[in-house]
């Protein structure tokens, strides 16, 4: 008569399984709570003819919009190329005007910046305006589009053809503004979670 021998489960293995199950239950519970509270985050969508304020700011009707995840040179900012300064802020605005090309613009978002502007993802026709400004080299990545910026930098388009102060640094030195927090996808997710659980 032969007996097969099997080792007793080690206490560490049993503890690890219990921990895994416990974490799974906690994560599922948090996801259910998150889904139940999503009504606190209200996405605003606005559309119409755009008034272009600068390379990353537009006005649609009465709604002022700061394009999310990018930062363009300020309208009065200058950059340097070929041993001379040039009005890169003006050119960044002109780039956005060309991208819109008179088409209606649609922007959506739910966060606002310190000036009360909607942080928006904006489209004109099939053109993603936020991405296109970074692709053209007339805005830097500011929380999103880092891979797009890397290509613009490597191909030396727009402001990357010369030297420039990052717009946030220019604002700090010329206007004394505090550096604003980046507003890309990861920052938005964190803000959404904080907003959902704000009243708990």
N, C-alpha and C. Protein backbone atom coordinates (compact mmCIF):
# COMPACT_ATOMS: atom_id res chain seq x y z
N UNK A 1 0.85 -1.18 0.00
CA UNK A 1 0.00 0.00 0.00
C UNK A 1 0.89 1.23 0.00
N UNK A 2 0.70 2.05 -1.01
CA UNK A 2 1.57 3.24 -1.10
C UNK A 2 0.76 4.49 -0.79
N UNK A 3 1.42 5.38 -0.12
CA UNK A 3 0.77 6.66 0.23
C UNK A 3 1.47 7.78 -0.54
N UNK A 4 0.68 8.63 -1.18
CA UNK A 4 1.31 9.80 -1.81
C UNK A 4 1.42 10.89 -0.75
N UNK A 5 2.56 11.53 -0.75
CA UNK A 5 2.81 12.56 0.25
C UNK A 5 2.72 13.92 -0.40
N UNK A 6 1.97 14.79 0.18
CA UNK A 6 1.94 16.17 -0.34
C UNK A 6 2.28 17.11 0.80
N UNK A 7 3.11 18.09 0.49
CA UNK A 7 3.54 19.00 1.56
C UNK A 7 2.37 19.86 2.04
N UNK A 8 2.38 20.18 3.31
CA UNK A 8 1.38 21.09 3.86
C UNK A 8 1.63 22.49 3.32
N UNK A 9 0.58 23.23 3.02
CA UNK A 9 0.82 24.60 2.54
C UNK A 9 1.56 25.40 3.61
N UNK A 10 2.54 26.12 3.17
CA UNK A 10 3.31 26.92 4.12
C UNK A 10 2.49 28.12 4.56
N UNK A 11 2.73 28.55 5.77
CA UNK A 11 1.96 29.67 6.32
C UNK A 11 2.14 30.93 5.48
N UNK A 12 3.36 31.14 4.95
CA UNK A 12 3.62 32.33 4.13
C UNK A 12 2.78 32.34 2.87
N UNK A 13 2.61 31.16 2.24
CA UNK A 13 1.82 31.08 1.02
C UNK A 13 0.35 31.36 1.31
N UNK A 14 -0.15 30.80 2.39
CA UNK A 14 -1.54 31.02 2.78
C UNK A 14 -1.78 32.51 3.10
N UNK A 15 -0.86 33.12 3.82
CA UNK A 15 -0.95 34.54 4.17
C UNK A 15 -0.96 35.40 2.90
N UNK A 16 -0.10 35.04 1.95
CA UNK A 16 -0.01 35.79 0.69
C UNK A 16 -1.33 35.71 -0.08
N UNK A 17 -1.94 34.52 -0.13
CA UNK A 17 -3.23 34.37 -0.83
C UNK A 17 -4.31 35.21 -0.16
N UNK A 18 -4.33 35.19 1.18
CA UNK A 18 -5.33 35.98 1.91
C UNK A 18 -5.13 37.47 1.64
N UNK A 19 -3.88 37.89 1.60
CA UNK A 19 -3.57 39.30 1.33
C UNK A 19 -4.03 39.68 -0.09
N UNK A 20 -3.76 38.81 -1.08
CA UNK A 20 -4.19 39.07 -2.46
C UNK A 20 -5.71 39.19 -2.55
N UNK A 21 -6.44 38.26 -1.89
CA UNK A 21 -7.90 38.33 -1.91
C UNK A 21 -8.39 39.60 -1.25
N UNK A 22 -7.77 39.95 -0.14
CA UNK A 22 -8.17 41.16 0.58
C UNK A 22 -7.98 42.41 -0.27
N UNK A 23 -6.82 42.49 -0.93
CA UNK A 23 -6.55 43.65 -1.79
C UNK A 23 -7.53 43.70 -2.96
N UNK A 24 -7.85 42.55 -3.52
CA UNK A 24 -8.81 42.50 -4.63
C UNK A 24 -10.16 43.05 -4.19
N UNK A 25 -10.62 42.64 -3.01
CA UNK A 25 -11.91 43.12 -2.50
C UNK A 25 -11.86 44.63 -2.28
N UNK A 26 -10.76 45.14 -1.72
CA UNK A 26 -10.63 46.58 -1.47
C UNK A 26 -10.65 47.36 -2.79
N UNK A 27 -9.89 46.88 -3.78
CA UNK A 27 -9.83 47.58 -5.07
C UNK A 27 -11.19 47.58 -5.75
N UNK A 28 -11.87 46.43 -5.74
CA UNK A 28 -13.21 46.37 -6.33
C UNK A 28 -14.17 47.33 -5.62
N UNK A 29 -14.07 47.36 -4.30
CA UNK A 29 -14.91 48.27 -3.52
C UNK A 29 -14.66 49.73 -3.90
N UNK A 30 -13.38 50.10 -4.05
CA UNK A 30 -13.04 51.47 -4.42
C UNK A 30 -13.54 51.80 -5.82
N UNK A 31 -13.44 50.85 -6.74
CA UNK A 31 -13.94 51.08 -8.10
C UNK A 31 -15.45 51.29 -8.11
N UNK A 32 -16.16 50.53 -7.28
CA UNK A 32 -17.62 50.70 -7.19
C UNK A 32 -17.96 52.08 -6.63
N UNK A 33 -17.23 52.49 -5.58
CA UNK A 33 -17.45 53.82 -5.01
C UNK A 33 -17.14 54.90 -6.03
N UNK A 34 -16.05 54.72 -6.78
CA UNK A 34 -15.64 55.69 -7.78
C UNK A 34 -16.73 55.84 -8.84
N UNK A 35 -17.24 54.73 -9.33
CA UNK A 35 -18.30 54.76 -10.35
C UNK A 35 -19.55 55.46 -9.81
N UNK A 36 -19.85 55.22 -8.54
CA UNK A 36 -21.04 55.82 -7.94
C UNK A 36 -20.89 57.33 -7.76
N UNK A 37 -19.65 57.81 -7.67
CA UNK A 37 -19.43 59.24 -7.42
C UNK A 37 -19.07 60.03 -8.67
N UNK A 38 -19.01 59.39 -9.83
CA UNK A 38 -18.58 60.08 -11.04
C UNK A 38 -19.50 61.23 -11.43
N UNK A 39 -20.71 61.23 -10.89
CA UNK A 39 -21.62 62.33 -11.22
C UNK A 39 -21.12 63.66 -10.67
N UNK A 40 -20.16 63.64 -9.74
CA UNK A 40 -19.61 64.89 -9.20
C UNK A 40 -18.73 65.61 -10.23
N UNK A 41 -18.17 64.85 -11.19
CA UNK A 41 -17.28 65.43 -12.18
C UNK A 41 -18.09 65.71 -13.43
N UNK A 42 -18.35 66.96 -13.68
CA UNK A 42 -19.21 67.34 -14.80
C UNK A 42 -18.35 67.88 -15.94
N UNK A 43 -18.41 67.19 -17.08
CA UNK A 43 -17.67 67.63 -18.25
C UNK A 43 -18.49 68.69 -18.98
N UNK A 44 -17.82 69.77 -19.33
CA UNK A 44 -18.47 70.85 -20.06
C UNK A 44 -17.99 70.81 -21.50
N UNK A 45 -18.92 70.91 -22.43
CA UNK A 45 -18.58 70.92 -23.84
C UNK A 45 -19.11 72.22 -24.43
N UNK A 46 -18.24 72.94 -25.14
CA UNK A 46 -18.66 74.20 -25.73
C UNK A 46 -18.14 74.27 -27.16
N UNK A 47 -18.89 74.92 -28.02
CA UNK A 47 -18.46 75.00 -29.42
C UNK A 47 -18.92 76.30 -30.04
N UNK A 48 -18.27 76.63 -31.16
CA UNK A 48 -18.64 77.84 -31.87
C UNK A 48 -17.45 78.41 -32.61
N UNK A 49 -17.61 79.66 -33.06
CA UNK A 49 -16.53 80.36 -33.74
C UNK A 49 -15.51 80.80 -32.68
N UNK A 50 -14.24 80.52 -32.95
CA UNK A 50 -13.20 80.80 -31.95
C UNK A 50 -12.57 82.18 -32.16
N UNK A 51 -12.39 82.88 -31.06
CA UNK A 51 -11.53 84.06 -31.04
C UNK A 51 -10.22 83.58 -30.44
N UNK A 52 -9.13 83.68 -31.20
CA UNK A 52 -7.83 83.16 -30.75
C UNK A 52 -7.12 84.25 -29.96
N UNK A 53 -6.89 83.99 -28.68
CA UNK A 53 -6.23 84.97 -27.81
C UNK A 53 -4.71 84.87 -27.92
N UNK A 54 -4.19 83.66 -27.87
CA UNK A 54 -2.76 83.42 -28.08
C UNK A 54 -2.59 81.96 -28.51
N UNK A 55 -1.39 81.43 -28.43
CA UNK A 55 -1.12 80.11 -28.97
C UNK A 55 -1.74 78.94 -28.24
N UNK A 56 -2.32 79.18 -27.05
CA UNK A 56 -2.97 78.08 -26.33
C UNK A 56 -4.25 78.52 -25.62
N UNK A 57 -4.79 79.67 -26.01
CA UNK A 57 -6.00 80.20 -25.37
C UNK A 57 -6.96 80.72 -26.42
N UNK A 58 -8.22 80.31 -26.30
CA UNK A 58 -9.25 80.80 -27.21
C UNK A 58 -10.50 81.16 -26.42
N UNK A 59 -11.39 81.88 -27.07
CA UNK A 59 -12.68 82.20 -26.47
C UNK A 59 -13.77 81.71 -27.41
N UNK A 60 -14.72 80.94 -26.86
CA UNK A 60 -15.88 80.47 -27.61
C UNK A 60 -17.11 81.08 -26.95
N UNK A 61 -17.70 82.06 -27.60
CA UNK A 61 -18.83 82.77 -26.98
C UNK A 61 -18.36 83.48 -25.72
N UNK A 62 -18.92 83.08 -24.57
CA UNK A 62 -18.51 83.70 -23.30
C UNK A 62 -17.52 82.82 -22.54
N UNK A 63 -17.20 81.66 -23.10
CA UNK A 63 -16.32 80.70 -22.40
C UNK A 63 -14.86 80.89 -22.83
N UNK A 64 -14.02 81.24 -21.85
CA UNK A 64 -12.58 81.33 -22.11
C UNK A 64 -11.95 79.96 -21.89
N UNK A 65 -11.11 79.54 -22.81
CA UNK A 65 -10.55 78.19 -22.75
C UNK A 65 -9.03 78.24 -22.82
N UNK A 66 -8.41 77.52 -21.92
CA UNK A 66 -6.95 77.30 -21.94
C UNK A 66 -6.78 75.87 -22.39
N UNK A 67 -6.05 75.66 -23.48
CA UNK A 67 -5.90 74.32 -24.04
C UNK A 67 -5.08 73.44 -23.10
N UNK A 68 -5.66 72.30 -22.74
CA UNK A 68 -5.09 71.42 -21.72
C UNK A 68 -3.87 70.66 -22.22
N UNK A 69 -2.87 70.54 -21.34
CA UNK A 69 -1.72 69.70 -21.62
C UNK A 69 -0.64 70.33 -22.48
N UNK A 70 -0.81 71.62 -22.85
CA UNK A 70 0.20 72.30 -23.66
C UNK A 70 0.46 73.69 -23.08
N UNK A 71 1.57 74.30 -23.50
CA UNK A 71 1.90 75.66 -23.06
C UNK A 71 2.61 76.35 -24.21
N UNK A 72 1.98 77.39 -24.75
CA UNK A 72 2.54 78.12 -25.89
C UNK A 72 3.21 79.40 -25.40
N UNK A 73 4.15 79.94 -26.18
CA UNK A 73 4.75 81.22 -25.81
C UNK A 73 3.67 82.28 -25.64
N UNK A 74 3.86 83.15 -24.66
CA UNK A 74 2.91 84.24 -24.43
C UNK A 74 2.92 85.19 -25.63
N UNK A 75 1.81 85.87 -25.85
CA UNK A 75 1.64 86.70 -27.06
C UNK A 75 2.78 87.70 -27.24
N UNK A 76 3.26 88.28 -26.15
CA UNK A 76 4.33 89.29 -26.26
C UNK A 76 5.73 88.69 -26.08
N UNK A 77 5.82 87.38 -25.97
CA UNK A 77 7.12 86.73 -25.74
C UNK A 77 7.95 86.70 -27.02
N UNK A 78 9.26 86.88 -26.86
CA UNK A 78 10.18 86.75 -27.98
C UNK A 78 11.09 85.55 -27.74
N UNK A 79 11.55 84.97 -28.84
CA UNK A 79 12.50 83.86 -28.80
C UNK A 79 13.72 84.28 -29.63
N UNK A 80 14.70 83.41 -29.74
CA UNK A 80 15.96 83.78 -30.40
C UNK A 80 16.30 82.75 -31.47
N UNK A 81 16.66 83.26 -32.67
CA UNK A 81 17.04 82.39 -33.77
C UNK A 81 17.90 83.19 -34.74
N UNK A 82 18.93 82.56 -35.28
CA UNK A 82 19.82 83.22 -36.25
C UNK A 82 20.32 84.57 -35.74
N UNK A 83 20.80 84.58 -34.50
CA UNK A 83 21.40 85.78 -33.88
C UNK A 83 20.43 86.95 -33.74
N UNK A 84 19.13 86.67 -33.71
CA UNK A 84 18.16 87.77 -33.55
C UNK A 84 16.94 87.28 -32.79
N UNK A 85 16.29 88.23 -32.11
CA UNK A 85 15.04 87.92 -31.45
C UNK A 85 13.91 87.96 -32.49
N UNK A 86 12.87 87.17 -32.26
CA UNK A 86 11.71 87.21 -33.14
C UNK A 86 10.45 86.99 -32.29
N UNK A 87 9.30 87.44 -32.77
CA UNK A 87 8.06 87.40 -31.96
C UNK A 87 7.41 86.01 -31.97
N UNK A 88 7.98 85.08 -31.23
CA UNK A 88 7.47 83.70 -31.25
C UNK A 88 6.05 83.62 -30.68
N UNK A 89 5.70 84.49 -29.74
CA UNK A 89 4.34 84.49 -29.19
C UNK A 89 3.30 84.82 -30.25
N UNK A 90 3.63 85.81 -31.09
CA UNK A 90 2.74 86.19 -32.19
C UNK A 90 2.63 85.05 -33.19
N UNK A 91 3.76 84.40 -33.49
CA UNK A 91 3.76 83.30 -34.46
C UNK A 91 2.99 82.09 -33.92
N UNK A 92 3.06 81.86 -32.61
CA UNK A 92 2.30 80.76 -32.01
C UNK A 92 0.80 81.01 -32.17
N UNK A 93 0.38 82.25 -31.97
CA UNK A 93 -1.03 82.60 -32.16
C UNK A 93 -1.44 82.41 -33.62
N UNK A 94 -0.58 82.88 -34.55
CA UNK A 94 -0.88 82.73 -35.97
C UNK A 94 -0.98 81.25 -36.37
N UNK A 95 -0.16 80.41 -35.76
CA UNK A 95 -0.21 78.97 -36.04
C UNK A 95 -1.57 78.40 -35.66
N UNK A 96 -2.09 78.80 -34.49
CA UNK A 96 -3.39 78.30 -34.04
C UNK A 96 -4.51 78.81 -34.95
N UNK A 97 -4.41 80.08 -35.39
CA UNK A 97 -5.39 80.64 -36.33
C UNK A 97 -5.40 79.81 -37.61
N UNK A 98 -4.21 79.46 -38.12
CA UNK A 98 -4.12 78.66 -39.35
C UNK A 98 -4.71 77.27 -39.16
N UNK A 99 -4.45 76.66 -38.00
CA UNK A 99 -4.98 75.31 -37.72
C UNK A 99 -6.51 75.30 -37.67
N UNK A 100 -7.07 76.35 -37.09
CA UNK A 100 -8.54 76.45 -36.99
C UNK A 100 -9.14 76.72 -38.37
N UNK A 101 -8.48 77.56 -39.14
CA UNK A 101 -8.87 77.85 -40.53
C UNK A 101 -10.34 78.24 -40.66
N UNK A 102 -10.84 79.03 -39.71
CA UNK A 102 -12.21 79.52 -39.79
C UNK A 102 -13.29 78.51 -39.47
N UNK A 103 -12.89 77.28 -39.13
CA UNK A 103 -13.88 76.23 -38.84
C UNK A 103 -14.42 76.39 -37.42
N UNK A 104 -15.63 75.88 -37.15
CA UNK A 104 -16.14 75.88 -35.77
C UNK A 104 -15.21 75.03 -34.90
N UNK A 105 -15.04 75.44 -33.66
CA UNK A 105 -14.19 74.72 -32.71
C UNK A 105 -15.05 74.13 -31.60
N UNK A 106 -14.73 72.92 -31.20
CA UNK A 106 -15.40 72.27 -30.08
C UNK A 106 -14.36 71.97 -29.01
N UNK A 107 -14.61 72.39 -27.79
CA UNK A 107 -13.70 72.11 -26.68
C UNK A 107 -14.48 71.43 -25.55
N UNK A 108 -13.86 70.46 -24.91
CA UNK A 108 -14.49 69.82 -23.76
C UNK A 108 -13.48 69.68 -22.64
N UNK A 109 -13.99 69.76 -21.42
CA UNK A 109 -13.14 69.63 -20.24
C UNK A 109 -13.98 69.86 -19.00
N UNK A 110 -13.39 69.64 -17.84
CA UNK A 110 -14.14 69.87 -16.60
C UNK A 110 -13.34 70.65 -15.57
N UNK A 111 -12.02 70.75 -15.77
CA UNK A 111 -11.21 71.51 -14.81
C UNK A 111 -11.12 72.97 -15.23
N UNK A 112 -10.75 73.81 -14.29
CA UNK A 112 -10.50 75.22 -14.60
C UNK A 112 -9.14 75.62 -14.05
N UNK A 113 -8.51 76.59 -14.73
CA UNK A 113 -7.22 77.06 -14.24
C UNK A 113 -7.43 78.17 -13.21
N UNK A 114 -6.36 78.76 -12.74
CA UNK A 114 -6.47 79.77 -11.67
C UNK A 114 -7.20 81.03 -12.11
N UNK A 115 -7.34 81.23 -13.43
CA UNK A 115 -8.05 82.41 -13.94
C UNK A 115 -9.50 82.09 -14.30
N UNK A 116 -9.93 80.88 -13.98
CA UNK A 116 -11.31 80.49 -14.25
C UNK A 116 -11.55 79.99 -15.67
N UNK A 117 -10.47 79.85 -16.45
CA UNK A 117 -10.64 79.35 -17.82
C UNK A 117 -10.81 77.83 -17.81
N UNK A 118 -11.66 77.33 -18.70
CA UNK A 118 -11.86 75.90 -18.85
C UNK A 118 -10.60 75.29 -19.45
N UNK A 119 -10.07 74.23 -18.84
CA UNK A 119 -8.94 73.49 -19.42
C UNK A 119 -9.54 72.51 -20.41
N UNK A 120 -9.37 72.80 -21.70
CA UNK A 120 -10.10 72.05 -22.71
C UNK A 120 -9.26 71.32 -23.72
N UNK A 121 -9.82 70.22 -24.21
CA UNK A 121 -9.29 69.50 -25.37
C UNK A 121 -10.11 70.01 -26.55
N UNK A 122 -9.43 70.61 -27.53
CA UNK A 122 -10.14 71.34 -28.58
C UNK A 122 -9.92 70.71 -29.95
N UNK A 123 -11.00 70.70 -30.73
CA UNK A 123 -10.99 70.14 -32.09
C UNK A 123 -11.57 71.16 -33.07
N UNK A 124 -11.00 71.18 -34.26
CA UNK A 124 -11.58 71.95 -35.38
C UNK A 124 -11.65 70.98 -36.54
N UNK A 125 -12.87 70.60 -36.93
CA UNK A 125 -13.00 69.53 -37.91
C UNK A 125 -12.42 68.26 -37.30
N UNK A 126 -11.51 67.62 -38.00
CA UNK A 126 -10.85 66.43 -37.45
C UNK A 126 -9.50 66.73 -36.84
N UNK A 127 -9.15 67.99 -36.66
CA UNK A 127 -7.83 68.37 -36.15
C UNK A 127 -7.85 68.53 -34.63
N UNK A 128 -6.99 67.77 -33.96
CA UNK A 128 -6.78 67.92 -32.52
C UNK A 128 -5.85 69.12 -32.35
N UNK A 129 -6.41 70.25 -31.96
CA UNK A 129 -5.65 71.50 -31.91
C UNK A 129 -4.54 71.46 -30.87
N UNK A 130 -4.79 70.83 -29.73
CA UNK A 130 -3.77 70.76 -28.68
C UNK A 130 -2.53 70.05 -29.22
N UNK A 131 -2.75 68.87 -29.78
CA UNK A 131 -1.65 68.07 -30.33
C UNK A 131 -0.96 68.79 -31.50
N UNK A 132 -1.77 69.38 -32.38
CA UNK A 132 -1.23 70.01 -33.58
C UNK A 132 -0.32 71.19 -33.25
N UNK A 133 -0.63 71.95 -32.20
CA UNK A 133 0.24 73.06 -31.80
C UNK A 133 1.61 72.55 -31.35
N UNK A 134 1.62 71.43 -30.63
CA UNK A 134 2.89 70.85 -30.19
C UNK A 134 3.63 70.26 -31.38
N UNK A 135 2.90 69.59 -32.28
CA UNK A 135 3.52 69.02 -33.49
C UNK A 135 4.19 70.10 -34.33
N UNK A 136 3.54 71.26 -34.44
CA UNK A 136 4.07 72.34 -35.25
C UNK A 136 5.23 73.07 -34.57
N UNK A 137 5.46 72.74 -33.29
CA UNK A 137 6.55 73.38 -32.56
C UNK A 137 6.20 74.74 -31.99
N UNK A 138 4.90 75.06 -31.92
CA UNK A 138 4.49 76.36 -31.38
C UNK A 138 3.90 76.26 -29.98
N UNK A 139 4.05 75.11 -29.36
CA UNK A 139 3.70 74.92 -27.94
C UNK A 139 4.55 73.78 -27.42
N UNK A 140 4.84 73.83 -26.12
CA UNK A 140 5.58 72.74 -25.47
C UNK A 140 4.57 71.86 -24.74
N UNK A 141 4.98 70.63 -24.51
CA UNK A 141 4.14 69.71 -23.74
C UNK A 141 4.04 70.24 -22.32
N UNK A 142 2.85 70.16 -21.75
CA UNK A 142 2.65 70.65 -20.38
C UNK A 142 1.77 69.67 -19.62
N UNK A 143 2.23 68.42 -19.58
CA UNK A 143 1.49 67.38 -18.90
C UNK A 143 0.99 66.31 -19.86
N UNK A 144 0.97 66.61 -21.15
CA UNK A 144 0.61 65.64 -22.19
C UNK A 144 1.50 65.91 -23.40
N UNK A 145 1.47 65.00 -24.36
CA UNK A 145 2.13 65.18 -25.66
C UNK A 145 3.66 65.22 -25.59
N UNK A 146 4.26 64.60 -24.57
CA UNK A 146 5.72 64.61 -24.46
C UNK A 146 6.38 63.94 -25.67
N UNK A 147 5.77 62.85 -26.16
CA UNK A 147 6.35 62.17 -27.33
C UNK A 147 6.24 63.03 -28.58
N UNK A 148 5.16 63.79 -28.69
CA UNK A 148 4.97 64.70 -29.83
C UNK A 148 6.01 65.83 -29.75
N UNK A 149 6.23 66.35 -28.54
CA UNK A 149 7.23 67.39 -28.36
C UNK A 149 8.62 66.89 -28.74
N UNK A 150 8.94 65.64 -28.37
CA UNK A 150 10.26 65.09 -28.68
C UNK A 150 10.52 65.08 -30.18
N UNK A 151 9.49 64.79 -30.98
CA UNK A 151 9.65 64.78 -32.44
C UNK A 151 9.84 66.21 -32.96
N UNK A 152 9.04 67.15 -32.44
CA UNK A 152 9.17 68.56 -32.85
C UNK A 152 10.56 69.09 -32.51
N UNK A 153 11.04 68.72 -31.34
CA UNK A 153 12.37 69.17 -30.91
C UNK A 153 13.46 68.59 -31.81
N UNK A 154 13.33 67.29 -32.14
CA UNK A 154 14.33 66.62 -32.98
C UNK A 154 14.35 67.17 -34.40
N UNK A 155 13.18 67.56 -34.90
CA UNK A 155 13.11 68.08 -36.27
C UNK A 155 13.25 69.61 -36.33
N UNK A 156 13.42 70.23 -35.16
CA UNK A 156 13.68 71.67 -35.05
C UNK A 156 12.62 72.53 -35.75
N UNK A 157 11.36 72.22 -35.47
CA UNK A 157 10.28 73.04 -36.02
C UNK A 157 9.84 74.08 -34.99
N UNK A 158 9.25 75.16 -35.48
CA UNK A 158 8.73 76.20 -34.59
C UNK A 158 9.81 76.77 -33.68
N UNK A 159 9.48 76.87 -32.40
CA UNK A 159 10.42 77.46 -31.44
C UNK A 159 11.68 76.61 -31.25
N UNK A 160 11.60 75.33 -31.64
CA UNK A 160 12.77 74.46 -31.48
C UNK A 160 13.86 74.76 -32.50
N UNK A 161 13.58 75.64 -33.47
CA UNK A 161 14.60 76.01 -34.46
C UNK A 161 15.64 76.96 -33.86
N UNK A 162 15.34 77.48 -32.68
CA UNK A 162 16.28 78.40 -32.03
C UNK A 162 16.28 78.15 -30.53
N UNK A 163 16.43 79.20 -29.75
CA UNK A 163 16.40 79.07 -28.30
C UNK A 163 15.25 79.91 -27.75
N UNK A 164 14.76 79.50 -26.58
CA UNK A 164 13.61 80.20 -25.99
C UNK A 164 13.52 79.87 -24.51
N UNK A 165 12.84 80.75 -23.80
CA UNK A 165 12.48 80.46 -22.42
C UNK A 165 11.18 79.68 -22.45
N UNK A 166 11.08 78.64 -21.64
CA UNK A 166 9.80 77.94 -21.54
C UNK A 166 8.76 78.96 -21.09
N UNK A 167 7.56 78.90 -21.68
CA UNK A 167 6.54 79.92 -21.36
C UNK A 167 6.32 80.13 -19.87
N UNK A 168 6.31 79.05 -19.07
CA UNK A 168 6.10 79.22 -17.62
C UNK A 168 7.24 80.02 -17.00
N UNK A 169 8.49 79.80 -17.48
CA UNK A 169 9.63 80.56 -16.96
C UNK A 169 9.56 82.02 -17.39
N UNK A 170 9.12 82.26 -18.63
CA UNK A 170 8.98 83.63 -19.13
C UNK A 170 7.94 84.38 -18.31
N UNK A 171 6.80 83.73 -18.03
CA UNK A 171 5.76 84.38 -17.22
C UNK A 171 6.28 84.71 -15.82
N UNK A 172 7.06 83.79 -15.25
CA UNK A 172 7.58 84.01 -13.90
C UNK A 172 8.55 85.19 -13.89
N UNK A 173 9.39 85.32 -14.91
CA UNK A 173 10.40 86.39 -14.90
C UNK A 173 9.85 87.73 -15.38
N UNK A 174 8.84 87.73 -16.26
CA UNK A 174 8.31 88.98 -16.80
C UNK A 174 7.06 89.47 -16.10
N UNK A 175 6.32 88.57 -15.47
CA UNK A 175 5.07 88.97 -14.82
C UNK A 175 5.03 88.62 -13.35
N UNK A 176 6.02 87.89 -12.90
CA UNK A 176 6.05 87.47 -11.50
C UNK A 176 5.00 86.44 -11.17
N UNK A 177 4.49 85.73 -12.20
CA UNK A 177 3.46 84.72 -11.95
C UNK A 177 4.07 83.46 -11.34
N UNK A 178 3.33 82.84 -10.44
CA UNK A 178 3.73 81.55 -9.91
C UNK A 178 3.59 80.50 -11.00
N UNK A 179 4.46 79.51 -10.97
CA UNK A 179 4.39 78.44 -11.95
C UNK A 179 3.14 77.62 -11.70
N UNK A 180 2.31 77.46 -12.72
CA UNK A 180 1.09 76.68 -12.57
C UNK A 180 1.41 75.19 -12.67
N UNK A 181 0.57 74.40 -12.03
CA UNK A 181 0.74 72.95 -12.08
C UNK A 181 0.42 72.45 -13.48
N UNK A 182 1.16 71.45 -13.94
CA UNK A 182 0.89 70.88 -15.25
C UNK A 182 -0.51 70.27 -15.25
N UNK A 183 -1.14 70.26 -16.44
CA UNK A 183 -2.52 69.79 -16.51
C UNK A 183 -2.69 68.77 -17.62
N UNK A 184 -1.96 67.67 -17.49
CA UNK A 184 -2.10 66.58 -18.45
C UNK A 184 -3.02 65.49 -17.94
N UNK A 185 -2.97 64.36 -18.59
CA UNK A 185 -3.88 63.26 -18.27
C UNK A 185 -3.73 62.76 -16.84
N UNK A 186 -2.48 62.52 -16.39
CA UNK A 186 -2.28 61.99 -15.04
C UNK A 186 -2.75 62.99 -13.99
N UNK A 187 -2.45 64.27 -14.20
CA UNK A 187 -2.92 65.29 -13.25
C UNK A 187 -4.44 65.33 -13.23
N UNK A 188 -5.07 65.17 -14.40
CA UNK A 188 -6.53 65.20 -14.47
C UNK A 188 -7.15 64.03 -13.72
N UNK A 189 -6.55 62.84 -13.83
CA UNK A 189 -7.06 61.68 -13.11
C UNK A 189 -6.99 61.92 -11.61
N UNK A 190 -5.85 62.45 -11.15
CA UNK A 190 -5.70 62.76 -9.72
C UNK A 190 -6.71 63.78 -9.26
N UNK A 191 -6.93 64.82 -10.08
CA UNK A 191 -7.91 65.85 -9.72
C UNK A 191 -9.32 65.27 -9.68
N UNK A 192 -9.62 64.36 -10.63
CA UNK A 192 -10.94 63.74 -10.66
C UNK A 192 -11.20 62.94 -9.39
N UNK A 193 -10.21 62.17 -8.97
CA UNK A 193 -10.36 61.37 -7.75
C UNK A 193 -10.57 62.28 -6.54
N UNK A 194 -9.77 63.37 -6.46
CA UNK A 194 -9.92 64.31 -5.35
C UNK A 194 -11.30 64.96 -5.36
N UNK A 195 -11.79 65.31 -6.56
CA UNK A 195 -13.10 65.95 -6.67
C UNK A 195 -14.22 65.00 -6.25
N UNK A 196 -14.10 63.75 -6.67
CA UNK A 196 -15.12 62.75 -6.35
C UNK A 196 -15.24 62.55 -4.85
N UNK A 197 -14.10 62.51 -4.16
CA UNK A 197 -14.12 62.21 -2.73
C UNK A 197 -14.02 63.46 -1.86
N UNK A 198 -14.20 64.64 -2.46
CA UNK A 198 -14.01 65.89 -1.73
C UNK A 198 -14.93 66.02 -0.53
N UNK A 199 -16.15 65.58 -0.65
CA UNK A 199 -17.13 65.79 0.43
C UNK A 199 -17.21 64.60 1.39
N UNK A 200 -16.29 63.65 1.25
CA UNK A 200 -16.32 62.49 2.16
C UNK A 200 -15.45 62.75 3.35
